[in-house]
PDB file of N, CA and C in Angstrom:
ATOM      1  N   UNK A   1      30.317  69.049 124.835  1.00  0.00           N
ATOM      2  CA  UNK A   1      30.475  67.958 123.902  1.00  0.00           C
ATOM      3  C   UNK A   1      31.654  68.258 122.982  1.00  0.00           C
ATOM      4  N   UNK A   2      32.408  67.237 122.678  1.00  0.00           N
ATOM      5  CA  UNK A   2      33.601  67.384 121.865  1.00  0.00           C
ATOM      6  C   UNK A   2      33.272  67.207 120.385  1.00  0.00           C
ATOM      7  N   UNK A   3      33.752  68.142 119.576  1.00  0.00           N
ATOM      8  CA  UNK A   3      33.515  68.077 118.133  1.00  0.00           C
ATOM      9  C   UNK A   3      34.857  68.044 117.404  1.00  0.00           C
ATOM     10  N   UNK A   4      34.878  67.313 116.304  1.00  0.00           N
ATOM     11  CA  UNK A   4      36.076  67.207 115.479  1.00  0.00           C
ATOM     12  C   UNK A   4      35.721  67.453 114.024  1.00  0.00           C
ATOM     13  N   UNK A   5      36.723  67.918 113.287  1.00  0.00           N
ATOM     14  CA  UNK A   5      36.614  68.086 111.842  1.00  0.00           C
ATOM     15  C   UNK A   5      37.927  67.654 111.213  1.00  0.00           C
ATOM     16  N   UNK A   6      37.869  67.317 109.947  1.00  0.00           N
ATOM     17  CA  UNK A   6      39.094  67.061 109.205  1.00  0.00           C
ATOM     18  C   UNK A   6      39.856  68.383 109.151  1.00  0.00           C
ATOM     19  N   UNK A   7      41.162  68.325 109.403  1.00  0.00           N
ATOM     20  CA  UNK A   7      41.983  69.536 109.378  1.00  0.00           C
ATOM     21  C   UNK A   7      41.918  70.176 107.989  1.00  0.00           C
ATOM     22  N   UNK A   8      41.885  71.505 107.922  1.00  0.00           N
ATOM     23  CA  UNK A   8      41.730  72.198 106.639  1.00  0.00           C
ATOM     24  C   UNK A   8      42.791  71.835 105.598  1.00  0.00           C
ATOM     25  N   UNK A   9      44.001  71.544 106.025  1.00  0.00           N
ATOM     26  CA  UNK A   9      45.088  71.236 105.088  1.00  0.00           C
ATOM     27  C   UNK A   9      44.981  69.839 104.492  1.00  0.00           C
ATOM     28  N   UNK A  10      44.161  68.981 105.079  1.00  0.00           N
ATOM     29  CA  UNK A  10      44.089  67.571 104.689  1.00  0.00           C
ATOM     30  C   UNK A  10      43.242  67.392 103.433  1.00  0.00           C
ATOM     31  N   UNK A  11      43.736  66.575 102.528  1.00  0.00           N
ATOM     32  CA  UNK A  11      43.019  66.245 101.297  1.00  0.00           C
ATOM     33  C   UNK A  11      42.289  64.927 101.503  1.00  0.00           C
ATOM     34  N   UNK A  12      41.081  64.824 100.926  1.00  0.00           N
ATOM     35  CA  UNK A  12      40.247  63.625 101.098  1.00  0.00           C
ATOM     36  C   UNK A  12      39.884  63.041  99.744  1.00  0.00           C
ATOM     37  N   UNK A  13      39.789  61.712  99.717  1.00  0.00           N
ATOM     38  CA  UNK A  13      39.321  61.021  98.513  1.00  0.00           C
ATOM     39  C   UNK A  13      38.509  59.811  98.940  1.00  0.00           C
ATOM     40  N   UNK A  14      37.452  59.515  98.185  1.00  0.00           N
ATOM     41  CA  UNK A  14      36.609  58.345  98.447  1.00  0.00           C
ATOM     42  C   UNK A  14      36.949  57.279  97.417  1.00  0.00           C
ATOM     43  N   UNK A  15      37.288  56.091  97.901  1.00  0.00           N
ATOM     44  CA  UNK A  15      37.612  54.963  97.034  1.00  0.00           C
ATOM     45  C   UNK A  15      36.747  53.786  97.437  1.00  0.00           C
ATOM     46  N   UNK A  16      35.736  53.507  96.633  1.00  0.00           N
ATOM     47  CA  UNK A  16      34.776  52.444  96.919  1.00  0.00           C
ATOM     48  C   UNK A  16      34.215  52.629  98.326  1.00  0.00           C
ATOM     49  N   UNK A  17      34.484  51.703  99.240  1.00  0.00           N
ATOM     50  CA  UNK A  17      33.926  51.791 100.593  1.00  0.00           C
ATOM     51  C   UNK A  17      34.887  52.428 101.589  1.00  0.00           C
ATOM     52  N   UNK A  18      35.998  52.936 101.118  1.00  0.00           N
ATOM     53  CA  UNK A  18      37.002  53.515 102.006  1.00  0.00           C
ATOM     54  C   UNK A  18      37.164  55.000 101.724  1.00  0.00           C
ATOM     55  N   UNK A  19      37.724  55.658 102.694  1.00  0.00           N
ATOM     56  CA  UNK A  19      38.089  57.057 102.520  1.00  0.00           C
ATOM     57  C   UNK A  19      39.583  57.155 102.778  1.00  0.00           C
ATOM     58  N   UNK A  20      40.250  57.979 101.993  1.00  0.00           N
ATOM     59  CA  UNK A  20      41.684  58.176 102.135  1.00  0.00           C
ATOM     60  C   UNK A  20      41.920  59.631 102.511  1.00  0.00           C
ATOM     61  N   UNK A  21      42.752  59.835 103.512  1.00  0.00           N
ATOM     62  CA  UNK A  21      43.128  61.178 103.937  1.00  0.00           C
ATOM     63  C   UNK A  21      44.614  61.357 103.668  1.00  0.00           C
ATOM     64  N   UNK A  22      44.995  62.503 103.132  1.00  0.00           N
ATOM     65  CA  UNK A  22      46.395  62.803 102.855  1.00  0.00           C
ATOM     66  C   UNK A  22      46.796  64.055 103.608  1.00  0.00           C
ATOM     67  N   UNK A  23      47.816  63.919 104.422  1.00  0.00           N
ATOM     68  CA  UNK A  23      48.418  65.074 105.069  1.00  0.00           C
ATOM     69  C   UNK A  23      49.539  65.534 104.138  1.00  0.00           C
ATOM     70  N   UNK A  24      49.357  66.652 103.430  1.00  0.00           N
ATOM     71  CA  UNK A  24      50.360  67.076 102.457  1.00  0.00           C
ATOM     72  C   UNK A  24      51.706  67.430 103.083  1.00  0.00           C
ATOM     73  N   UNK A  25      51.719  67.746 104.367  1.00  0.00           N
ATOM     74  CA  UNK A  25      52.981  68.069 105.028  1.00  0.00           C
ATOM     75  C   UNK A  25      53.859  66.835 105.176  1.00  0.00           C
ATOM     76  N   UNK A  26      53.252  65.681 105.459  1.00  0.00           N
ATOM     77  CA  UNK A  26      54.027  64.447 105.614  1.00  0.00           C
ATOM     78  C   UNK A  26      54.078  63.651 104.315  1.00  0.00           C
ATOM     79  N   UNK A  27      53.092  63.881 103.424  1.00  0.00           N
ATOM     80  CA  UNK A  27      53.022  63.134 102.176  1.00  0.00           C
ATOM     81  C   UNK A  27      52.523  61.711 102.348  1.00  0.00           C
ATOM     82  N   UNK A  28      51.977  61.404 103.512  1.00  0.00           N
ATOM     83  CA  UNK A  28      51.532  60.041 103.804  1.00  0.00           C
ATOM     84  C   UNK A  28      50.018  59.950 103.673  1.00  0.00           C
ATOM     85  N   UNK A  29      49.583  58.915 102.959  1.00  0.00           N
ATOM     86  CA  UNK A  29      48.156  58.617 102.823  1.00  0.00           C
ATOM     87  C   UNK A  29      47.707  57.754 103.987  1.00  0.00           C
ATOM     88  N   UNK A  30      46.487  57.956 104.452  1.00  0.00           N
ATOM     89  CA  UNK A  30      45.910  57.171 105.543  1.00  0.00           C
ATOM     90  C   UNK A  30      44.553  56.655 105.083  1.00  0.00           C
ATOM     91  N   UNK A  31      44.400  55.338 105.050  1.00  0.00           N
ATOM     92  CA  UNK A  31      43.125  54.733 104.681  1.00  0.00           C
ATOM     93  C   UNK A  31      42.269  54.647 105.937  1.00  0.00           C
ATOM     94  N   UNK A  32      41.059  55.155 105.844  1.00  0.00           N
ATOM     95  CA  UNK A  32      40.141  55.185 106.983  1.00  0.00           C
ATOM     96  C   UNK A  32      39.199  53.986 106.879  1.00  0.00           C
ATOM     97  N   UNK A  33      39.065  53.240 107.967  1.00  0.00           N
ATOM     98  CA  UNK A  33      38.179  52.071 107.959  1.00  0.00           C
ATOM     99  C   UNK A  33      36.713  52.501 108.031  1.00  0.00           C
ATOM    100  N   UNK A  34      35.823  51.519 108.026  1.00  0.00           N
ATOM    101  CA  UNK A  34      34.383  51.795 107.983  1.00  0.00           C
ATOM    102  C   UNK A  34      33.916  52.638 109.166  1.00  0.00           C
ATOM    103  N   UNK A  35      34.357  52.284 110.360  1.00  0.00           N
ATOM    104  CA  UNK A  35      33.945  53.050 111.541  1.00  0.00           C
ATOM    105  C   UNK A  35      34.440  54.485 111.437  1.00  0.00           C
ATOM    106  N   UNK A  36      35.685  54.660 111.045  1.00  0.00           N
ATOM    107  CA  UNK A  36      36.235  56.001 110.878  1.00  0.00           C
ATOM    108  C   UNK A  36      35.496  56.795 109.825  1.00  0.00           C
ATOM    109  N   UNK A  37      35.165  56.144 108.714  1.00  0.00           N
ATOM    110  CA  UNK A  37      34.421  56.810 107.640  1.00  0.00           C
ATOM    111  C   UNK A  37      33.061  57.274 108.148  1.00  0.00           C
ATOM    112  N   UNK A  38      32.404  56.424 108.924  1.00  0.00           N
ATOM    113  CA  UNK A  38      31.100  56.786 109.475  1.00  0.00           C
ATOM    114  C   UNK A  38      31.222  57.942 110.475  1.00  0.00           C
ATOM    115  N   UNK A  39      32.277  57.935 111.282  1.00  0.00           N
ATOM    116  CA  UNK A  39      32.498  59.046 112.212  1.00  0.00           C
ATOM    117  C   UNK A  39      32.701  60.353 111.443  1.00  0.00           C
ATOM    118  N   UNK A  40      33.518  60.311 110.406  1.00  0.00           N
ATOM    119  CA  UNK A  40      33.737  61.519 109.601  1.00  0.00           C
ATOM    120  C   UNK A  40      32.427  62.031 109.021  1.00  0.00           C
ATOM    121  N   UNK A  41      31.566  61.116 108.598  1.00  0.00           N
ATOM    122  CA  UNK A  41      30.255  61.504 108.079  1.00  0.00           C
ATOM    123  C   UNK A  41      29.394  62.167 109.131  1.00  0.00           C
ATOM    124  N   UNK A  42      29.410  61.613 110.334  1.00  0.00           N
ATOM    125  CA  UNK A  42      28.644  62.212 111.440  1.00  0.00           C
ATOM    126  C   UNK A  42      29.163  63.606 111.759  1.00  0.00           C
ATOM    127  N   UNK A  43      30.481  63.761 111.772  1.00  0.00           N
ATOM    128  CA  UNK A  43      31.052  65.073 112.068  1.00  0.00           C
ATOM    129  C   UNK A  43      30.706  66.062 110.970  1.00  0.00           C
ATOM    130  N   UNK A  44      30.652  65.592 109.732  1.00  0.00           N
ATOM    131  CA  UNK A  44      30.224  66.449 108.627  1.00  0.00           C
ATOM    132  C   UNK A  44      28.784  66.903 108.783  1.00  0.00           C
ATOM    133  N   UNK A  45      27.984  66.085 109.486  1.00  0.00           N
ATOM    134  CA  UNK A  45      26.588  66.444 109.779  1.00  0.00           C
ATOM    135  C   UNK A  45      26.476  67.351 111.001  1.00  0.00           C
ATOM    136  N   UNK A  46      27.619  67.695 111.613  1.00  0.00           N
ATOM    137  CA  UNK A  46      27.620  68.593 112.761  1.00  0.00           C
ATOM    138  C   UNK A  46      27.472  67.923 114.109  1.00  0.00           C
ATOM    139  N   UNK A  47      27.574  66.593 114.150  1.00  0.00           N
ATOM    140  CA  UNK A  47      27.421  65.886 115.423  1.00  0.00           C
ATOM    141  C   UNK A  47      28.712  65.907 116.228  1.00  0.00           C
ATOM    142  N   UNK A  48      28.573  65.865 117.531  1.00  0.00           N
ATOM    143  CA  UNK A  48      29.728  65.755 118.412  1.00  0.00           C
ATOM    144  C   UNK A  48      30.206  64.308 118.421  1.00  0.00           C
ATOM    145  N   UNK A  49      31.345  64.066 119.046  1.00  0.00           N
ATOM    146  CA  UNK A  49      31.847  62.699 119.182  1.00  0.00           C
ATOM    147  C   UNK A  49      30.830  61.838 119.914  1.00  0.00           C
ATOM    148  N   UNK A  50      30.293  62.360 120.996  1.00  0.00           N
ATOM    149  CA  UNK A  50      29.327  61.606 121.795  1.00  0.00           C
ATOM    150  C   UNK A  50      28.062  61.286 120.998  1.00  0.00           C
ATOM    151  N   UNK A  51      27.557  62.274 120.276  1.00  0.00           N
ATOM    152  CA  UNK A  51      26.366  62.061 119.441  1.00  0.00           C
ATOM    153  C   UNK A  51      26.651  61.065 118.316  1.00  0.00           C
ATOM    154  N   UNK A  52      27.850  61.138 117.780  1.00  0.00           N
ATOM    155  CA  UNK A  52      28.242  60.224 116.705  1.00  0.00           C
ATOM    156  C   UNK A  52      28.293  58.786 117.194  1.00  0.00           C
ATOM    157  N   UNK A  53      28.855  58.578 118.376  1.00  0.00           N
ATOM    158  CA  UNK A  53      28.920  57.236 118.963  1.00  0.00           C
ATOM    159  C   UNK A  53      27.513  56.689 119.157  1.00  0.00           C
ATOM    160  N   UNK A  54      26.624  57.504 119.688  1.00  0.00           N
ATOM    161  CA  UNK A  54      25.236  57.066 119.895  1.00  0.00           C
ATOM    162  C   UNK A  54      24.568  56.715 118.573  1.00  0.00           C
ATOM    163  N   UNK A  55      24.767  57.553 117.552  1.00  0.00           N
ATOM    164  CA  UNK A  55      24.157  57.304 116.250  1.00  0.00           C
ATOM    165  C   UNK A  55      24.664  55.985 115.654  1.00  0.00           C
ATOM    166  N   UNK A  56      25.968  55.781 115.679  1.00  0.00           N
ATOM    167  CA  UNK A  56      26.531  54.557 115.100  1.00  0.00           C
ATOM    168  C   UNK A  56      26.060  53.317 115.840  1.00  0.00           C
ATOM    169  N   UNK A  57      26.062  53.384 117.162  1.00  0.00           N
ATOM    170  CA  UNK A  57      25.622  52.229 117.950  1.00  0.00           C
ATOM    171  C   UNK A  57      24.175  51.888 117.628  1.00  0.00           C
ATOM    172  N   UNK A  58      23.342  52.903 117.524  1.00  0.00           N
ATOM    173  CA  UNK A  58      21.921  52.686 117.247  1.00  0.00           C
ATOM    174  C   UNK A  58      21.693  52.198 115.816  1.00  0.00           C
ATOM    175  N   UNK A  59      22.279  52.874 114.843  1.00  0.00           N
ATOM    176  CA  UNK A  59      22.060  52.522 113.438  1.00  0.00           C
ATOM    177  C   UNK A  59      22.619  51.152 113.074  1.00  0.00           C
ATOM    178  N   UNK A  60      23.775  50.821 113.630  1.00  0.00           N
ATOM    179  CA  UNK A  60      24.451  49.592 113.237  1.00  0.00           C
ATOM    180  C   UNK A  60      24.176  48.426 114.186  1.00  0.00           C
ATOM    181  N   UNK A  61      23.528  48.713 115.320  1.00  0.00           N
ATOM    182  CA  UNK A  61      23.279  47.658 116.291  1.00  0.00           C
ATOM    183  C   UNK A  61      24.546  47.210 116.997  1.00  0.00           C
ATOM    184  N   UNK A  62      25.501  48.116 117.100  1.00  0.00           N
ATOM    185  CA  UNK A  62      26.779  47.817 117.735  1.00  0.00           C
ATOM    186  C   UNK A  62      26.720  48.168 119.216  1.00  0.00           C
ATOM    187  N   UNK A  63      27.576  47.548 120.010  1.00  0.00           N
ATOM    188  CA  UNK A  63      27.682  47.827 121.439  1.00  0.00           C
ATOM    189  C   UNK A  63      28.239  49.247 121.634  1.00  0.00           C
ATOM    190  N   UNK A  64      27.509  50.114 122.347  1.00  0.00           N
ATOM    191  CA  UNK A  64      27.971  51.499 122.524  1.00  0.00           C
ATOM    192  C   UNK A  64      29.364  51.609 123.148  1.00  0.00           C
ATOM    193  N   UNK A  65      29.675  50.740 124.096  1.00  0.00           N
ATOM    194  CA  UNK A  65      30.998  50.799 124.732  1.00  0.00           C
ATOM    195  C   UNK A  65      32.100  50.473 123.725  1.00  0.00           C
ATOM    196  N   UNK A  66      31.842  49.516 122.845  1.00  0.00           N
ATOM    197  CA  UNK A  66      32.837  49.157 121.829  1.00  0.00           C
ATOM    198  C   UNK A  66      32.977  50.262 120.789  1.00  0.00           C
ATOM    199  N   UNK A  67      31.854  50.864 120.406  1.00  0.00           N
ATOM    200  CA  UNK A  67      31.904  51.982 119.454  1.00  0.00           C
ATOM    201  C   UNK A  67      32.713  53.124 120.058  1.00  0.00           C
ATOM    202  N   UNK A  68      32.500  53.415 121.324  1.00  0.00           N
ATOM    203  CA  UNK A  68      33.234  54.503 121.990  1.00  0.00           C
ATOM    204  C   UNK A  68      34.724  54.199 122.041  1.00  0.00           C
ATOM    205  N   UNK A  69      35.068  52.955 122.367  1.00  0.00           N
ATOM    206  CA  UNK A  69      36.482  52.573 122.417  1.00  0.00           C
ATOM    207  C   UNK A  69      37.124  52.714 121.035  1.00  0.00           C
ATOM    208  N   UNK A  70      36.430  52.249 120.003  1.00  0.00           N
ATOM    209  CA  UNK A  70      36.939  52.374 118.634  1.00  0.00           C
ATOM    210  C   UNK A  70      37.067  53.844 118.235  1.00  0.00           C
ATOM    211  N   UNK A  71      36.066  54.641 118.586  1.00  0.00           N
ATOM    212  CA  UNK A  71      36.078  56.068 118.251  1.00  0.00           C
ATOM    213  C   UNK A  71      37.225  56.783 118.954  1.00  0.00           C
ATOM    214  N   UNK A  72      37.437  56.471 120.223  1.00  0.00           N
ATOM    215  CA  UNK A  72      38.533  57.102 120.961  1.00  0.00           C
ATOM    216  C   UNK A  72      39.885  56.757 120.341  1.00  0.00           C
ATOM    217  N   UNK A  73      40.056  55.501 119.925  1.00  0.00           N
ATOM    218  CA  UNK A  73      41.298  55.095 119.272  1.00  0.00           C
ATOM    219  C   UNK A  73      41.493  55.799 117.940  1.00  0.00           C
ATOM    220  N   UNK A  74      40.409  55.911 117.176  1.00  0.00           N
ATOM    221  CA  UNK A  74      40.454  56.602 115.887  1.00  0.00           C
ATOM    222  C   UNK A  74      40.835  58.068 116.077  1.00  0.00           C
ATOM    223  N   UNK A  75      40.173  58.733 117.016  1.00  0.00           N
ATOM    224  CA  UNK A  75      40.445  60.151 117.271  1.00  0.00           C
ATOM    225  C   UNK A  75      41.900  60.349 117.679  1.00  0.00           C
ATOM    226  N   UNK A  76      42.388  59.546 118.608  1.00  0.00           N
ATOM    227  CA  UNK A  76      43.767  59.693 119.078  1.00  0.00           C
ATOM    228  C   UNK A  76      44.760  59.541 117.928  1.00  0.00           C
ATOM    229  N   UNK A  77      44.557  58.534 117.094  1.00  0.00           N
ATOM    230  CA  UNK A  77      45.474  58.292 115.974  1.00  0.00           C
ATOM    231  C   UNK A  77      45.411  59.414 114.946  1.00  0.00           C
ATOM    232  N   UNK A  78      44.212  59.876 114.634  1.00  0.00           N
ATOM    233  CA  UNK A  78      44.059  60.909 113.610  1.00  0.00           C
ATOM    234  C   UNK A  78      44.556  62.274 114.085  1.00  0.00           C
ATOM    235  N   UNK A  79      44.353  62.590 115.368  1.00  0.00           N
ATOM    236  CA  UNK A  79      44.875  63.848 115.917  1.00  0.00           C
ATOM    237  C   UNK A  79      46.400  63.807 115.903  1.00  0.00           C
ATOM    238  N   UNK A  80      46.970  62.684 116.320  1.00  0.00           N
ATOM    239  CA  UNK A  80      48.431  62.535 116.354  1.00  0.00           C
ATOM    240  C   UNK A  80      49.040  62.734 114.967  1.00  0.00           C
ATOM    241  N   UNK A  81      48.341  62.298 113.932  1.00  0.00           N
ATOM    242  CA  UNK A  81      48.838  62.400 112.556  1.00  0.00           C
ATOM    243  C   UNK A  81      48.488  63.735 111.895  1.00  0.00           C
ATOM    244  N   UNK A  82      47.802  64.606 112.638  1.00  0.00           N
ATOM    245  CA  UNK A  82      47.451  65.921 112.110  1.00  0.00           C
ATOM    246  C   UNK A  82      46.340  65.897 111.082  1.00  0.00           C
ATOM    247  N   UNK A  83      45.502  64.841 111.116  1.00  0.00           N
ATOM    248  CA  UNK A  83      44.449  64.694 110.119  1.00  0.00           C
ATOM    249  C   UNK A  83      43.114  65.269 110.557  1.00  0.00           C
ATOM    250  N   UNK A  84      42.853  65.269 111.851  1.00  0.00           N
ATOM    251  CA  UNK A  84      41.633  65.887 112.375  1.00  0.00           C
ATOM    252  C   UNK A  84      42.023  66.818 113.504  1.00  0.00           C
ATOM    253  N   UNK A  85      41.116  67.712 113.829  1.00  0.00           N
ATOM    254  CA  UNK A  85      41.357  68.641 114.928  1.00  0.00           C
ATOM    255  C   UNK A  85      40.048  68.930 115.637  1.00  0.00           C
ATOM    256  N   UNK A  86      40.174  69.257 116.904  1.00  0.00           N
ATOM    257  CA  UNK A  86      38.986  69.611 117.681  1.00  0.00           C
ATOM    258  C   UNK A  86      38.448  70.933 117.156  1.00  0.00           C
ATOM    259  N   UNK A  87      37.130  71.048 117.116  1.00  0.00           N
ATOM    260  CA  UNK A  87      36.513  72.270 116.599  1.00  0.00           C
ATOM    261  C   UNK A  87      35.519  72.827 117.597  1.00  0.00           C
ATOM    262  N   UNK A  88      35.148  74.060 117.377  1.00  0.00           N
ATOM    263  CA  UNK A  88      34.141  74.702 118.218  1.00  0.00           C
ATOM    264  C   UNK A  88      32.755  74.306 117.735  1.00  0.00           C
ATOM    265  N   UNK A  89      31.768  74.280 118.665  1.00  0.00           N
ATOM    266  CA  UNK A  89      30.400  73.927 118.255  1.00  0.00           C
ATOM    267  C   UNK A  89      29.801  74.931 117.295  1.00  0.00           C
TER     268      UNK A  89
END
């Protein structure tokens, strides 16, 4: 199972219903949407990507295939920007 965490260098802030991630190397802020915020929360609870998708689909009543597609897009974008990284279990 694949696990992700926010990269150690990344700074985080919570603003109302959004989360903001800052990569200090680029100086660019990234606003995380609701699905991304929920994924980050699941990863903070120690869940894998697969477990997180299942949890979100079940809790929110969302289509699992759509949650997975959204999660995959989120992961790809955040890894590319150096904001999250794959971690060991």
